[in-house]
Each structure stands twice: as C-alpha cells, then as structure tokens.
C-alpha cells in the first residue's frame, strides 16, 4: 500500500535530524501495529501515517524534548507518550498514566491529526516549526542543571545529587547533597511539583525535569513580583474570559490551585496589590470555574455520545446492515439537530 508521512511529522523529523544527526526515527508500523488501529499505520482515508517514534541515540534529550512539546504544542500535535505517561491535547497536555504494553521508556511517541488512532482525516499537514533547535540551549546558572529523569525514592547517584542541589537553589529546600533519594528529598520534590503546578507524586519524571530546567533558567532573571502573580491570576479569572480557558489554565497548569494561595499571600506581602486584585475571592472564583467546567464536561460527554452513535451508523453501513443512503440521511439529521 502506498503511503506518506504526515507533513507536520516530516517537518519534525527534519528538525530533529538537523539538530541531532543520526537520530533513529520510526514511522510505519511493524506487524504488531498492523493488527490494530494505530497512527503508525496508513490512515483509512488518505493513506497518511500520523505517528513517529523518536529515540535519543543522536543526542536528543528525550525528557527535555517531551517537556518542550507539551509546553509549546505544535498546531497538529494530538498526543505524546513517554516513560509510561501520555500527554493529550484533549486534557491540556497534562500528564496521565499510560497503561499500554510498551512503556515507551527508550523512545518518545508523537501523534498528530484529529483521531481516533489510524483514522485521522485532517489536522496533520501543518508545516509550522516544532522549535526543536531551541531545546536544551538554556544556560544553567551557577553550575546548576536539571538531571535526566527518571528518579524516585530509593535511587542513588550523582543525578540525585544534581536534583538535590537544584531543589536547594530553586525552592530553598535545605537538603543535604548526599546523592541519596530519601524521604526528605521526596518531600522537597513534591513541594517543588506543587509550586510548579504539576502532579505532586514525588517522582522526578520528564515533566518535572522540564519545569525544573525552566526554574533554573529563571534564576538568572528577576523573579516575578507579587503584583505580576496577582495580575496573571486576575487575567485568567476575569468574567470576560470563557470558563474553559480559565479552567484550562488553573486546573491543568496548577491542579492544586496553588496560584490562588500565592495570590492571597501576595496581597499580604504587597499593599500595592490591593487595587489590582480588589474583590478577588478565591473560593468564588473556583466555584465559578467548577460550574463552567461541569457544563463543558456535560457538553463534551454529549458530543462523545453523538460521535459514538454516528460511528455505529457508519459501521452499520459498512456491514450492510443499513443502506448507505439511509445512514447519510440519519447522520445529516443528527448534525443539523433535526433528529434530536
């Protein structure tokens, strides 16, 4: 079967090879992939492969690569899988546990398109830059560096020492740099994760590595003032902004709503904030966001049910259970609301 790689992924592969020549990149799937729906297989319509697997054998740091992809998502990016975590556009690229057979510990999977797997029909040929050339070029102030993941309690070695030094600099953790990932290091890593607005699971994975690298880079610059923090919160909780945008910002980037706590502390620290944030009630903001998010979720659930019904109709036409013309009429009625 003739096939081609999605043009967005052609651009990604070109950027990777330019920055890290010799990097191994897989596109078309093997026999295991061919037995199931997969973006590594040519799509049902268009014969387009919508996935790449990228190894780190050419010098590309995979954790930094993943952190960059989810922090600066390409217009066509649908999801990324790495080290038993999946980062999907539908969830704001917030990491979730990946339960597939392949843990993707030695390579990164990148999928583009509108999905589902192996059935994308659009949103895969945008040739915008992925920004690969900018990955890993930030300076490490004062000899600090974010070590390569993954690390967790019980690990030992120089990478643990790098993590301890970085935590001491970034959040004043007060850790003894003994190269031993013990309970105190885990507790301080969780504190950093909470401040960074990511899952505080105490495991130093690619997302934590990316956020730690950003925090180290920020040490070279003036840290945001309390007023800047407050104004950022105000921007994302203003009535003029949609509930979905506010929800995405506060929930996905800061699931524990730590930024609202920071806002309250900032108001106490800096009297100049009072005018900027007058009347901001954290609990009221969260209640409003939760209400709008629930409405969003209800609409999403209804849309998913609609998609499932339409897919069932298509499958009925393919199997011959229903006439194609009847299926087209029913789908048209659903999409226009005439069938509801």
C-alpha atoms as a PDB file:
ATOM      1  CA  UNK A   1       0.000   0.000   0.000  1.00  0.00           C
ATOM      2  CA  UNK A   2       1.308   3.431  -0.951  1.00  0.00           C
ATOM      3  CA  UNK A   3       1.570   5.805   1.991  1.00  0.00           C
ATOM      4  CA  UNK A   4       3.200   9.029   3.088  1.00  0.00           C
ATOM      5  CA  UNK A   5       4.206  10.557   6.386  1.00  0.00           C
ATOM      6  CA  UNK A   6       2.101  13.479   7.634  1.00  0.00           C
ATOM      7  CA  UNK A   7       3.797  16.717   6.541  1.00  0.00           C
ATOM      8  CA  UNK A   8       3.874  18.048  10.101  1.00  0.00           C
ATOM      9  CA  UNK A   9       5.897  14.974  11.086  1.00  0.00           C
ATOM     10  CA  UNK A  10       8.130  15.326   8.036  1.00  0.00           C
ATOM     11  CA  UNK A  11       8.965  18.792   9.394  1.00  0.00           C
ATOM     12  CA  UNK A  12       9.551  17.391  12.892  1.00  0.00           C
ATOM     13  CA  UNK A  13      11.873  14.661  11.607  1.00  0.00           C
ATOM     14  CA  UNK A  14      13.798  17.192   9.526  1.00  0.00           C
ATOM     15  CA  UNK A  15      14.289  19.467  12.545  1.00  0.00           C
ATOM     16  CA  UNK A  16      15.428  16.546  14.710  1.00  0.00           C
ATOM     17  CA  UNK A  17      17.940  15.333  12.130  1.00  0.00           C
ATOM     18  CA  UNK A  18      19.234  18.866  11.625  1.00  0.00           C
ATOM     19  CA  UNK A  19      19.816  19.382  15.366  1.00  0.00           C
ATOM     20  CA  UNK A  20      20.791  15.776  16.186  1.00  0.00           C
ATOM     21  CA  UNK A  21      22.044  13.943  13.074  1.00  0.00           C
ATOM     22  CA  UNK A  22      21.711  10.187  13.167  1.00  0.00           C
ATOM     23  CA  UNK A  23      18.716  10.106  15.493  1.00  0.00           C
ATOM     24  CA  UNK A  24      16.663   6.960  14.933  1.00  0.00           C
ATOM     25  CA  UNK A  25      13.083   7.752  13.909  1.00  0.00           C
ATOM     26  CA  UNK A  26      10.411   5.139  13.204  1.00  0.00           C
ATOM     27  CA  UNK A  27       7.297   5.875  11.163  1.00  0.00           C
ATOM     28  CA  UNK A  28       5.421   2.978   9.518  1.00  0.00           C
ATOM     29  CA  UNK A  29       4.287   0.326  11.994  1.00  0.00           C
ATOM     30  CA  UNK A  30       5.510  -3.248  12.301  1.00  0.00           C
ATOM     31  CA  UNK A  31       3.280  -6.351  12.272  1.00  0.00           C
ATOM     32  CA  UNK A  32       2.121  -5.736  15.844  1.00  0.00           C
ATOM     33  CA  UNK A  33       0.882  -2.271  14.882  1.00  0.00           C
ATOM     34  CA  UNK A  34      -0.743  -3.558  11.699  1.00  0.00           C
ATOM     35  CA  UNK A  35      -3.025  -5.853  13.692  1.00  0.00           C
ATOM     36  CA  UNK A  36      -4.739  -2.927  15.438  1.00  0.00           C
ATOM     37  CA  UNK A  37      -5.776   0.685  14.922  1.00  0.00           C
ATOM     38  CA  UNK A  38      -2.598   2.746  15.150  1.00  0.00           C
ATOM     39  CA  UNK A  39      -1.310   6.101  13.922  1.00  0.00           C
ATOM     40  CA  UNK A  40       1.740   4.147  12.719  1.00  0.00           C
ATOM     41  CA  UNK A  41      -0.497   2.578  10.085  1.00  0.00           C
ATOM     42  CA  UNK A  42      -1.630   4.489   6.978  1.00  0.00           C
ATOM     43  CA  UNK A  43      -4.927   6.185   7.760  1.00  0.00           C
ATOM     44  CA  UNK A  44      -8.130   4.690   6.404  1.00  0.00           C
ATOM     45  CA  UNK A  45      -8.698   7.833   4.337  1.00  0.00           C
ATOM     46  CA  UNK A  46      -5.637   9.357   2.743  1.00  0.00           C
ATOM     47  CA  UNK A  47      -3.042   6.638   3.454  1.00  0.00           C
ATOM     48  CA  UNK A  48      -1.190   9.010   5.795  1.00  0.00           C
ATOM     49  CA  UNK A  49       0.992   7.822   8.699  1.00  0.00           C
ATOM     50  CA  UNK A  50       0.344  10.142  11.643  1.00  0.00           C
ATOM     51  CA  UNK A  51       2.934   8.993  14.200  1.00  0.00           C
ATOM     52  CA  UNK A  52       6.660   8.965  14.827  1.00  0.00           C
ATOM     53  CA  UNK A  53       8.754   7.190  17.448  1.00  0.00           C
ATOM     54  CA  UNK A  54      11.942   9.086  18.305  1.00  0.00           C
ATOM     55  CA  UNK A  55      14.969   7.633  20.098  1.00  0.00           C
ATOM     56  CA  UNK A  56      17.621   9.558  21.967  1.00  0.00           C
ATOM     57  CA  UNK A  57      20.562   7.871  20.252  1.00  0.00           C
ATOM     58  CA  UNK A  58      21.529  11.014  18.335  1.00  0.00           C
ATOM     59  CA  UNK A  59      21.965  13.211  21.404  1.00  0.00           C
ATOM     60  CA  UNK A  60      18.383  14.467  21.748  1.00  0.00           C
ATOM     61  CA  UNK A  61      17.466  14.614  25.431  1.00  0.00           C
ATOM     62  CA  UNK A  62      14.081  12.902  25.446  1.00  0.00           C
ATOM     63  CA  UNK A  63      12.811  14.408  28.700  1.00  0.00           C
ATOM     64  CA  UNK A  64      13.617  17.931  27.502  1.00  0.00           C
ATOM     65  CA  UNK A  65      12.068  17.069  24.139  1.00  0.00           C
ATOM     66  CA  UNK A  66       8.802  15.978  25.775  1.00  0.00           C
ATOM     67  CA  UNK A  67       8.750  18.981  28.094  1.00  0.00           C
ATOM     68  CA  UNK A  68       9.212  21.259  25.073  1.00  0.00           C
ATOM     69  CA  UNK A  69       6.473  19.556  23.040  1.00  0.00           C
ATOM     70  CA  UNK A  70       3.819  19.871  25.735  1.00  0.00           C
ATOM     71  CA  UNK A  71       4.835  23.391  26.751  1.00  0.00           C
ATOM     72  CA  UNK A  72       4.855  24.602  23.120  1.00  0.00           C
ATOM     73  CA  UNK A  73       2.383  22.315  21.351  1.00  0.00           C
ATOM     74  CA  UNK A  74       2.501  22.260  17.570  1.00  0.00           C
ATOM     75  CA  UNK A  75      -0.901  23.048  15.981  1.00  0.00           C
ATOM     76  CA  UNK A  76      -1.222  19.443  14.779  1.00  0.00           C
ATOM     77  CA  UNK A  77       0.071  17.692  17.922  1.00  0.00           C
ATOM     78  CA  UNK A  78      -2.543  15.292  19.325  1.00  0.00           C
ATOM     79  CA  UNK A  79      -0.614  13.402  21.999  1.00  0.00           C
ATOM     80  CA  UNK A  80       2.837  12.370  23.241  1.00  0.00           C
ATOM     81  CA  UNK A  81       3.780   9.159  25.091  1.00  0.00           C
ATOM     82  CA  UNK A  82       6.962   8.767  27.118  1.00  0.00           C
ATOM     83  CA  UNK A  83       8.009   6.755  30.165  1.00  0.00           C
ATOM     84  CA  UNK A  84       4.515   5.446  30.999  1.00  0.00           C
ATOM     85  CA  UNK A  85       2.932   8.904  30.703  1.00  0.00           C
ATOM     86  CA  UNK A  86       0.624  10.201  27.991  1.00  0.00           C
ATOM     87  CA  UNK A  87       0.092  13.899  27.291  1.00  0.00           C
ATOM     88  CA  UNK A  88      -3.066  14.550  25.244  1.00  0.00           C
ATOM     89  CA  UNK A  89      -4.392  17.754  23.740  1.00  0.00           C
ATOM     90  CA  UNK A  90      -7.889  16.932  24.985  1.00  0.00           C
ATOM     91  CA  UNK A  91      -6.597  17.152  28.565  1.00  0.00           C
ATOM     92  CA  UNK A  92      -4.470  20.239  28.069  1.00  0.00           C
ATOM     93  CA  UNK A  93      -1.342  18.043  27.662  1.00  0.00           C
ATOM     94  CA  UNK A  94      -1.405  17.293  31.369  1.00  0.00           C
ATOM     95  CA  UNK A  95       0.424  14.011  32.010  1.00  0.00           C
ATOM     96  CA  UNK A  96      -1.651  10.916  32.756  1.00  0.00           C
ATOM     97  CA  UNK A  97      -0.560   7.350  33.402  1.00  0.00           C
ATOM     98  CA  UNK A  98      -0.190   5.303  30.221  1.00  0.00           C
ATOM     99  CA  UNK A  99      -1.248   1.680  30.629  1.00  0.00           C
ATOM    100  CA  UNK A 100      -0.194   0.350  27.236  1.00  0.00           C
ATOM    101  CA  UNK A 101       2.038  -2.722  26.942  1.00  0.00           C
ATOM    102  CA  UNK A 102       5.008  -0.669  25.694  1.00  0.00           C
ATOM    103  CA  UNK A 103       6.117   1.734  28.433  1.00  0.00           C
ATOM    104  CA  UNK A 104       7.985   3.945  25.917  1.00  0.00           C
ATOM    105  CA  UNK A 105      10.967   4.293  28.252  1.00  0.00           C
ATOM    106  CA  UNK A 106      13.560   4.431  25.466  1.00  0.00           C
ATOM    107  CA  UNK A 107      11.676   6.459  22.879  1.00  0.00           C
ATOM    108  CA  UNK A 108       9.027   9.153  22.518  1.00  0.00           C
ATOM    109  CA  UNK A 109       5.836   8.584  20.553  1.00  0.00           C
ATOM    110  CA  UNK A 110       4.337  11.624  18.807  1.00  0.00           C
ATOM    111  CA  UNK A 111       0.889  11.513  17.168  1.00  0.00           C
ATOM    112  CA  UNK A 112      -0.769  14.177  15.039  1.00  0.00           C
ATOM    113  CA  UNK A 113      -4.188  14.554  13.453  1.00  0.00           C
ATOM    114  CA  UNK A 114      -7.805  14.621  14.561  1.00  0.00           C
ATOM    115  CA  UNK A 115      -8.024  10.934  15.520  1.00  0.00           C
ATOM    116  CA  UNK A 116      -9.030   8.353  16.542  1.00  0.00           C
ATOM    117  CA  UNK A 117      -5.869   6.296  16.048  1.00  0.00           C
ATOM    118  CA  UNK A 118      -5.347   5.252  12.451  1.00  0.00           C
ATOM    119  CA  UNK A 119      -8.394   7.173  11.283  1.00  0.00           C
ATOM    120  CA  UNK A 120      -7.335  10.817  11.155  1.00  0.00           C
ATOM    121  CA  UNK A 121      -8.679  12.737   8.180  1.00  0.00           C
ATOM    122  CA  UNK A 122      -7.237  16.206   8.806  1.00  0.00           C
ATOM    123  CA  UNK A 123      -5.013  18.391  11.018  1.00  0.00           C
ATOM    124  CA  UNK A 124      -1.773  16.611  10.178  1.00  0.00           C
ATOM    125  CA  UNK A 125      -0.155  18.605   7.353  1.00  0.00           C
ATOM    126  CA  UNK A 126       0.665  21.918   9.075  1.00  0.00           C
ATOM    127  CA  UNK A 127       4.366  22.567   8.343  1.00  0.00           C
ATOM    128  CA  UNK A 128       4.902  25.089  11.158  1.00  0.00           C
ATOM    129  CA  UNK A 129       8.165  24.722  13.069  1.00  0.00           C
ATOM    130  CA  UNK A 130       8.297  22.451  16.111  1.00  0.00           C
ATOM    131  CA  UNK A 131      11.115  24.526  17.631  1.00  0.00           C
ATOM    132  CA  UNK A 132      13.456  21.566  18.082  1.00  0.00           C
ATOM    133  CA  UNK A 133      16.541  23.749  17.590  1.00  0.00           C
ATOM    134  CA  UNK A 134      15.722  25.678  20.770  1.00  0.00           C
ATOM    135  CA  UNK A 135      15.594  22.607  23.038  1.00  0.00           C
ATOM    136  CA  UNK A 136      18.297  22.417  25.660  1.00  0.00           C
ATOM    137  CA  UNK A 137      20.011  25.685  24.776  1.00  0.00           C
ATOM    138  CA  UNK A 138      19.207  27.471  28.033  1.00  0.00           C
ATOM    139  CA  UNK A 139      22.071  28.351  30.359  1.00  0.00           C
ATOM    140  CA  UNK A 140      22.451  26.599  33.699  1.00  0.00           C
ATOM    141  CA  UNK A 141      23.217  29.350  36.231  1.00  0.00           C
ATOM    142  CA  UNK A 142      25.797  28.790  38.911  1.00  0.00           C
ATOM    143  CA  UNK A 143      26.619  25.312  37.645  1.00  0.00           C
ATOM    144  CA  UNK A 144      23.103  24.016  38.291  1.00  0.00           C
ATOM    145  CA  UNK A 145      21.451  21.541  35.967  1.00  0.00           C
ATOM    146  CA  UNK A 146      18.213  19.603  35.862  1.00  0.00           C
ATOM    147  CA  UNK A 147      19.277  15.935  35.805  1.00  0.00           C
ATOM    148  CA  UNK A 148      17.850  13.475  33.320  1.00  0.00           C
ATOM    149  CA  UNK A 149      14.783  11.596  34.578  1.00  0.00           C
ATOM    150  CA  UNK A 150      13.527   9.362  35.951  1.00  0.00           C
ATOM    151  CA  UNK A 151      14.324   9.367  39.674  1.00  0.00           C
ATOM    152  CA  UNK A 152      12.352   8.299  42.725  1.00  0.00           C
ATOM    153  CA  UNK A 153      12.795   7.380  46.370  1.00  0.00           C
ATOM    154  CA  UNK A 154      15.448   4.707  46.808  1.00  0.00           C
ATOM    155  CA  UNK A 155      17.610   5.863  43.889  1.00  0.00           C
ATOM    156  CA  UNK A 156      21.229   6.887  44.453  1.00  0.00           C
ATOM    157  CA  UNK A 157      23.983   8.522  42.444  1.00  0.00           C
ATOM    158  CA  UNK A 158      25.211  11.799  41.011  1.00  0.00           C
ATOM    159  CA  UNK A 159      21.916  12.575  39.293  1.00  0.00           C
ATOM    160  CA  UNK A 160      20.218  12.533  42.678  1.00  0.00           C
ATOM    161  CA  UNK A 161      22.866  14.988  43.882  1.00  0.00           C
ATOM    162  CA  UNK A 162      22.137  17.241  40.911  1.00  0.00           C
ATOM    163  CA  UNK A 163      18.451  17.153  41.802  1.00  0.00           C
ATOM    164  CA  UNK A 164      19.160  17.989  45.440  1.00  0.00           C
ATOM    165  CA  UNK A 165      21.375  20.946  44.516  1.00  0.00           C
ATOM    166  CA  UNK A 166      18.770  22.246  42.087  1.00  0.00           C
ATOM    167  CA  UNK A 167      15.970  21.984  44.659  1.00  0.00           C
ATOM    168  CA  UNK A 168      18.103  23.807  47.202  1.00  0.00           C
ATOM    169  CA  UNK A 169      18.614  26.671  44.744  1.00  0.00           C
ATOM    170  CA  UNK A 170      15.098  26.839  43.355  1.00  0.00           C
ATOM    171  CA  UNK A 171      12.936  26.408  46.467  1.00  0.00           C
ATOM    172  CA  UNK A 172      15.498  26.713  49.282  1.00  0.00           C
ATOM    173  CA  UNK A 173      14.924  23.048  50.138  1.00  0.00           C
ATOM    174  CA  UNK A 174      17.782  22.806  52.637  1.00  0.00           C
ATOM    175  CA  UNK A 175      18.699  19.287  51.547  1.00  0.00           C
ATOM    176  CA  UNK A 176      21.982  17.590  52.349  1.00  0.00           C
ATOM    177  CA  UNK A 177      23.557  16.777  48.960  1.00  0.00           C
ATOM    178  CA  UNK A 178      24.311  13.129  49.722  1.00  0.00           C
ATOM    179  CA  UNK A 179      23.271  11.572  46.370  1.00  0.00           C
ATOM    180  CA  UNK A 180      20.599   9.547  48.210  1.00  0.00           C
ATOM    181  CA  UNK A 181      16.947   9.968  47.219  1.00  0.00           C
ATOM    182  CA  UNK A 182      15.351   9.555  50.628  1.00  0.00           C
ATOM    183  CA  UNK A 183      12.102  10.762  52.232  1.00  0.00           C
ATOM    184  CA  UNK A 184      13.368  14.341  52.683  1.00  0.00           C
ATOM    185  CA  UNK A 185      14.307  14.643  49.023  1.00  0.00           C
ATOM    186  CA  UNK A 186      10.942  13.192  48.037  1.00  0.00           C
ATOM    187  CA  UNK A 187       9.127  15.684  50.278  1.00  0.00           C
ATOM    188  CA  UNK A 188      11.002  18.632  48.774  1.00  0.00           C
ATOM    189  CA  UNK A 189      10.427  17.350  45.237  1.00  0.00           C
ATOM    190  CA  UNK A 190       6.697  17.175  45.993  1.00  0.00           C
ATOM    191  CA  UNK A 191       6.847  20.753  47.270  1.00  0.00           C
ATOM    192  CA  UNK A 192       8.507  21.848  44.025  1.00  0.00           C
ATOM    193  CA  UNK A 193       5.904  19.968  41.972  1.00  0.00           C
ATOM    194  CA  UNK A 194       3.081  21.672  43.846  1.00  0.00           C
ATOM    195  CA  UNK A 195       4.614  25.082  43.255  1.00  0.00           C
ATOM    196  CA  UNK A 196       5.137  24.226  39.591  1.00  0.00           C
ATOM    197  CA  UNK A 197       1.501  23.178  39.246  1.00  0.00           C
ATOM    198  CA  UNK A 198       2.147  19.573  38.233  1.00  0.00           C
ATOM    199  CA  UNK A 199       1.276  16.215  39.795  1.00  0.00           C
ATOM    200  CA  UNK A 200       2.961  16.040  43.212  1.00  0.00           C
ATOM    201  CA  UNK A 201       3.677  12.311  43.014  1.00  0.00           C
ATOM    202  CA  UNK A 202       7.265  12.612  44.281  1.00  0.00           C
ATOM    203  CA  UNK A 203       8.612  11.028  41.097  1.00  0.00           C
ATOM    204  CA  UNK A 204      11.092  13.032  39.040  1.00  0.00           C
ATOM    205  CA  UNK A 205       9.857  12.420  35.508  1.00  0.00           C
ATOM    206  CA  UNK A 206      10.148  14.326  32.224  1.00  0.00           C
ATOM    207  CA  UNK A 207       7.584  16.971  33.140  1.00  0.00           C
ATOM    208  CA  UNK A 208       9.289  17.666  36.481  1.00  0.00           C
ATOM    209  CA  UNK A 209      12.622  17.793  34.651  1.00  0.00           C
ATOM    210  CA  UNK A 210      11.269  20.331  32.194  1.00  0.00           C
ATOM    211  CA  UNK A 211       9.794  22.525  34.928  1.00  0.00           C
ATOM    212  CA  UNK A 212      12.987  22.295  36.985  1.00  0.00           C
ATOM    213  CA  UNK A 213      15.067  23.339  33.967  1.00  0.00           C
ATOM    214  CA  UNK A 214      12.767  26.328  33.473  1.00  0.00           C
ATOM    215  CA  UNK A 215      13.085  27.253  37.146  1.00  0.00           C
ATOM    216  CA  UNK A 216      16.877  27.092  36.943  1.00  0.00           C
ATOM    217  CA  UNK A 217      16.876  29.335  33.877  1.00  0.00           C
ATOM    218  CA  UNK A 218      14.604  31.776  35.712  1.00  0.00           C
ATOM    219  CA  UNK A 219      17.201  32.210  38.446  1.00  0.00           C
ATOM    220  CA  UNK A 220      19.192  34.339  36.007  1.00  0.00           C
ATOM    221  CA  UNK A 221      16.299  36.755  35.647  1.00  0.00           C
ATOM    222  CA  UNK A 222      14.305  38.765  38.127  1.00  0.00           C
ATOM    223  CA  UNK A 223      11.624  36.555  39.620  1.00  0.00           C
ATOM    224  CA  UNK A 224       8.005  37.685  39.090  1.00  0.00           C
ATOM    225  CA  UNK A 225       6.808  40.188  41.652  1.00  0.00           C
ATOM    226  CA  UNK A 226       3.785  39.560  43.811  1.00  0.00           C
ATOM    227  CA  UNK A 227       1.899  42.071  41.687  1.00  0.00           C
ATOM    228  CA  UNK A 228       2.728  40.200  38.486  1.00  0.00           C
ATOM    229  CA  UNK A 229       1.491  36.959  40.017  1.00  0.00           C
ATOM    230  CA  UNK A 230      -1.759  38.578  41.090  1.00  0.00           C
ATOM    231  CA  UNK A 231      -2.365  40.246  37.738  1.00  0.00           C
ATOM    232  CA  UNK A 232      -1.803  36.929  35.973  1.00  0.00           C
ATOM    233  CA  UNK A 233      -4.450  35.317  38.162  1.00  0.00           C
ATOM    234  CA  UNK A 234      -6.798  38.218  37.535  1.00  0.00           C
ATOM    235  CA  UNK A 235      -6.315  37.883  33.799  1.00  0.00           C
ATOM    236  CA  UNK A 236      -7.382  34.239  33.856  1.00  0.00           C
ATOM    237  CA  UNK A 237     -10.322  34.661  36.226  1.00  0.00           C
ATOM    238  CA  UNK A 238     -11.906  37.750  34.712  1.00  0.00           C
ATOM    239  CA  UNK A 239     -15.573  37.406  33.813  1.00  0.00           C
ATOM    240  CA  UNK A 240     -14.761  38.278  30.212  1.00  0.00           C
ATOM    241  CA  UNK A 241     -12.745  35.082  29.800  1.00  0.00           C
ATOM    242  CA  UNK A 242     -14.524  31.827  28.990  1.00  0.00           C
ATOM    243  CA  UNK A 243     -14.893  29.205  31.681  1.00  0.00           C
ATOM    244  CA  UNK A 244     -12.992  26.709  29.552  1.00  0.00           C
ATOM    245  CA  UNK A 245      -9.952  28.993  29.274  1.00  0.00           C
ATOM    246  CA  UNK A 246      -9.953  29.750  32.989  1.00  0.00           C
ATOM    247  CA  UNK A 247     -10.446  26.092  33.799  1.00  0.00           C
ATOM    248  CA  UNK A 248      -7.654  25.005  31.470  1.00  0.00           C
ATOM    249  CA  UNK A 249      -5.243  27.494  32.986  1.00  0.00           C
ATOM    250  CA  UNK A 250      -5.955  26.884  36.637  1.00  0.00           C
ATOM    251  CA  UNK A 251      -6.698  23.169  36.514  1.00  0.00           C
ATOM    252  CA  UNK A 252      -4.180  21.849  34.016  1.00  0.00           C
ATOM    253  CA  UNK A 253      -1.240  24.072  34.864  1.00  0.00           C
ATOM    254  CA  UNK A 254      -1.957  24.224  38.591  1.00  0.00           C
ATOM    255  CA  UNK A 255      -4.252  21.397  39.731  1.00  0.00           C
ATOM    256  CA  UNK A 256      -3.963  22.247  43.412  1.00  0.00           C
ATOM    257  CA  UNK A 257      -4.883  25.897  42.773  1.00  0.00           C
ATOM    258  CA  UNK A 258      -1.632  26.876  44.448  1.00  0.00           C
ATOM    259  CA  UNK A 259      -1.613  30.092  42.493  1.00  0.00           C
ATOM    260  CA  UNK A 260      -4.666  31.301  44.410  1.00  0.00           C
ATOM    261  CA  UNK A 261      -2.807  30.670  47.642  1.00  0.00           C
ATOM    262  CA  UNK A 262       0.090  32.635  46.191  1.00  0.00           C
ATOM    263  CA  UNK A 263      -2.322  35.422  45.356  1.00  0.00           C
ATOM    264  CA  UNK A 264      -3.565  35.593  48.930  1.00  0.00           C
ATOM    265  CA  UNK A 265      -0.004  35.636  50.234  1.00  0.00           C
ATOM    266  CA  UNK A 266       0.954  38.269  47.670  1.00  0.00           C
ATOM    267  CA  UNK A 267      -1.860  40.532  48.826  1.00  0.00           C
ATOM    268  CA  UNK A 268      -0.488  40.337  52.341  1.00  0.00           C
ATOM    269  CA  UNK A 269       3.091  40.995  51.227  1.00  0.00           C
ATOM    270  CA  UNK A 270       2.448  43.906  48.909  1.00  0.00           C
ATOM    271  CA  UNK A 271      -0.098  46.580  49.722  1.00  0.00           C
ATOM    272  CA  UNK A 272       0.205  47.877  46.160  1.00  0.00           C
ATOM    273  CA  UNK A 273      -1.661  44.780  45.016  1.00  0.00           C
ATOM    274  CA  UNK A 274      -4.879  45.714  46.718  1.00  0.00           C
ATOM    275  CA  UNK A 275      -6.092  47.958  43.916  1.00  0.00           C
ATOM    276  CA  UNK A 276      -5.203  45.407  41.265  1.00  0.00           C
ATOM    277  CA  UNK A 277      -6.956  42.483  42.949  1.00  0.00           C
ATOM    278  CA  UNK A 278      -9.678  44.198  44.919  1.00  0.00           C
ATOM    279  CA  UNK A 279     -12.680  41.935  45.311  1.00  0.00           C
ATOM    280  CA  UNK A 280     -10.973  38.758  44.108  1.00  0.00           C
ATOM    281  CA  UNK A 281     -12.434  35.893  46.130  1.00  0.00           C
ATOM    282  CA  UNK A 282     -10.533  32.661  45.582  1.00  0.00           C
ATOM    283  CA  UNK A 283     -13.376  30.379  46.649  1.00  0.00           C
ATOM    284  CA  UNK A 284     -15.897  32.221  44.478  1.00  0.00           C
ATOM    285  CA  UNK A 285     -13.533  32.025  41.519  1.00  0.00           C
ATOM    286  CA  UNK A 286     -13.097  28.287  41.949  1.00  0.00           C
ATOM    287  CA  UNK A 287     -16.841  27.752  42.329  1.00  0.00           C
ATOM    288  CA  UNK A 288     -17.486  29.672  39.119  1.00  0.00           C
ATOM    289  CA  UNK A 289     -14.774  27.796  37.252  1.00  0.00           C
ATOM    290  CA  UNK A 290     -16.022  24.438  38.544  1.00  0.00           C
ATOM    291  CA  UNK A 291     -19.548  25.267  37.392  1.00  0.00           C
ATOM    292  CA  UNK A 292     -18.388  26.221  33.920  1.00  0.00           C
ATOM    293  CA  UNK A 293     -16.088  23.213  33.740  1.00  0.00           C
ATOM    294  CA  UNK A 294     -19.000  20.932  34.663  1.00  0.00           C
ATOM    295  CA  UNK A 295     -21.031  22.478  31.857  1.00  0.00           C
ATOM    296  CA  UNK A 296     -18.097  21.927  29.499  1.00  0.00           C
ATOM    297  CA  UNK A 297     -17.812  18.303  30.622  1.00  0.00           C
ATOM    298  CA  UNK A 298     -21.530  17.753  30.052  1.00  0.00           C
ATOM    299  CA  UNK A 299     -21.250  19.130  26.527  1.00  0.00           C
ATOM    300  CA  UNK A 300     -18.157  17.012  25.894  1.00  0.00           C
ATOM    301  CA  UNK A 301     -19.986  13.887  27.083  1.00  0.00           C
ATOM    302  CA  UNK A 302     -22.935  14.646  24.807  1.00  0.00           C
ATOM    303  CA  UNK A 303     -20.565  15.186  21.871  1.00  0.00           C
ATOM    304  CA  UNK A 304     -18.795  11.899  22.602  1.00  0.00           C
ATOM    305  CA  UNK A 305     -22.122  10.063  22.665  1.00  0.00           C
ATOM    306  CA  UNK A 306     -23.067  11.704  19.372  1.00  0.00           C
ATOM    307  CA  UNK A 307     -19.768  10.621  17.814  1.00  0.00           C
ATOM    308  CA  UNK A 308     -20.295   7.071  19.069  1.00  0.00           C
ATOM    309  CA  UNK A 309     -23.794   6.957  17.549  1.00  0.00           C
ATOM    310  CA  UNK A 310     -22.503   8.254  14.218  1.00  0.00           C
ATOM    311  CA  UNK A 311     -19.659   5.725  14.235  1.00  0.00           C
ATOM    312  CA  UNK A 312     -22.189   2.957  14.879  1.00  0.00           C
ATOM    313  CA  UNK A 313     -24.215   4.127  11.891  1.00  0.00           C
ATOM    314  CA  UNK A 314     -21.120   4.113   9.683  1.00  0.00           C
ATOM    315  CA  UNK A 315     -20.220   0.602  10.838  1.00  0.00           C
ATOM    316  CA  UNK A 316     -23.809  -0.500  10.114  1.00  0.00           C
ATOM    317  CA  UNK A 317     -23.432   0.817   6.568  1.00  0.00           C
ATOM    318  CA  UNK A 318     -20.087  -0.918   6.143  1.00  0.00           C
ATOM    319  CA  UNK A 319     -21.531  -4.238   7.316  1.00  0.00           C
ATOM    320  CA  UNK A 320     -24.562  -3.907   5.076  1.00  0.00           C
ATOM    321  CA  UNK A 321     -26.983  -3.767   7.988  1.00  0.00           C
ATOM    322  CA  UNK A 322     -28.226  -0.357   6.834  1.00  0.00           C
ATOM    323  CA  UNK A 323     -28.301   1.183   3.385  1.00  0.00           C
ATOM    324  CA  UNK A 324     -25.642   3.825   2.823  1.00  0.00           C
ATOM    325  CA  UNK A 325     -28.206   6.408   1.740  1.00  0.00           C
ATOM    326  CA  UNK A 326     -30.208   5.893   4.928  1.00  0.00           C
ATOM    327  CA  UNK A 327     -27.093   6.276   7.029  1.00  0.00           C
ATOM    328  CA  UNK A 328     -26.178   9.517   5.279  1.00  0.00           C
ATOM    329  CA  UNK A 329     -29.685  10.856   5.938  1.00  0.00           C
ATOM    330  CA  UNK A 330     -29.532   9.902   9.617  1.00  0.00           C
ATOM    331  CA  UNK A 331     -26.090  11.435  10.126  1.00  0.00           C
ATOM    332  CA  UNK A 332     -27.195  14.628   8.387  1.00  0.00           C
ATOM    333  CA  UNK A 333     -30.250  14.793  10.636  1.00  0.00           C
ATOM    334  CA  UNK A 334     -28.110  14.376  13.767  1.00  0.00           C
ATOM    335  CA  UNK A 335     -25.616  17.025  12.726  1.00  0.00           C
ATOM    336  CA  UNK A 336     -28.326  19.557  11.977  1.00  0.00           C
ATOM    337  CA  UNK A 337     -30.318  18.712  15.097  1.00  0.00           C
ATOM    338  CA  UNK A 338     -33.290  17.513  13.080  1.00  0.00           C
ATOM    339  CA  UNK A 339     -33.004  14.059  14.544  1.00  0.00           C
ATOM    340  CA  UNK A 340     -32.951  15.129  18.186  1.00  0.00           C
END
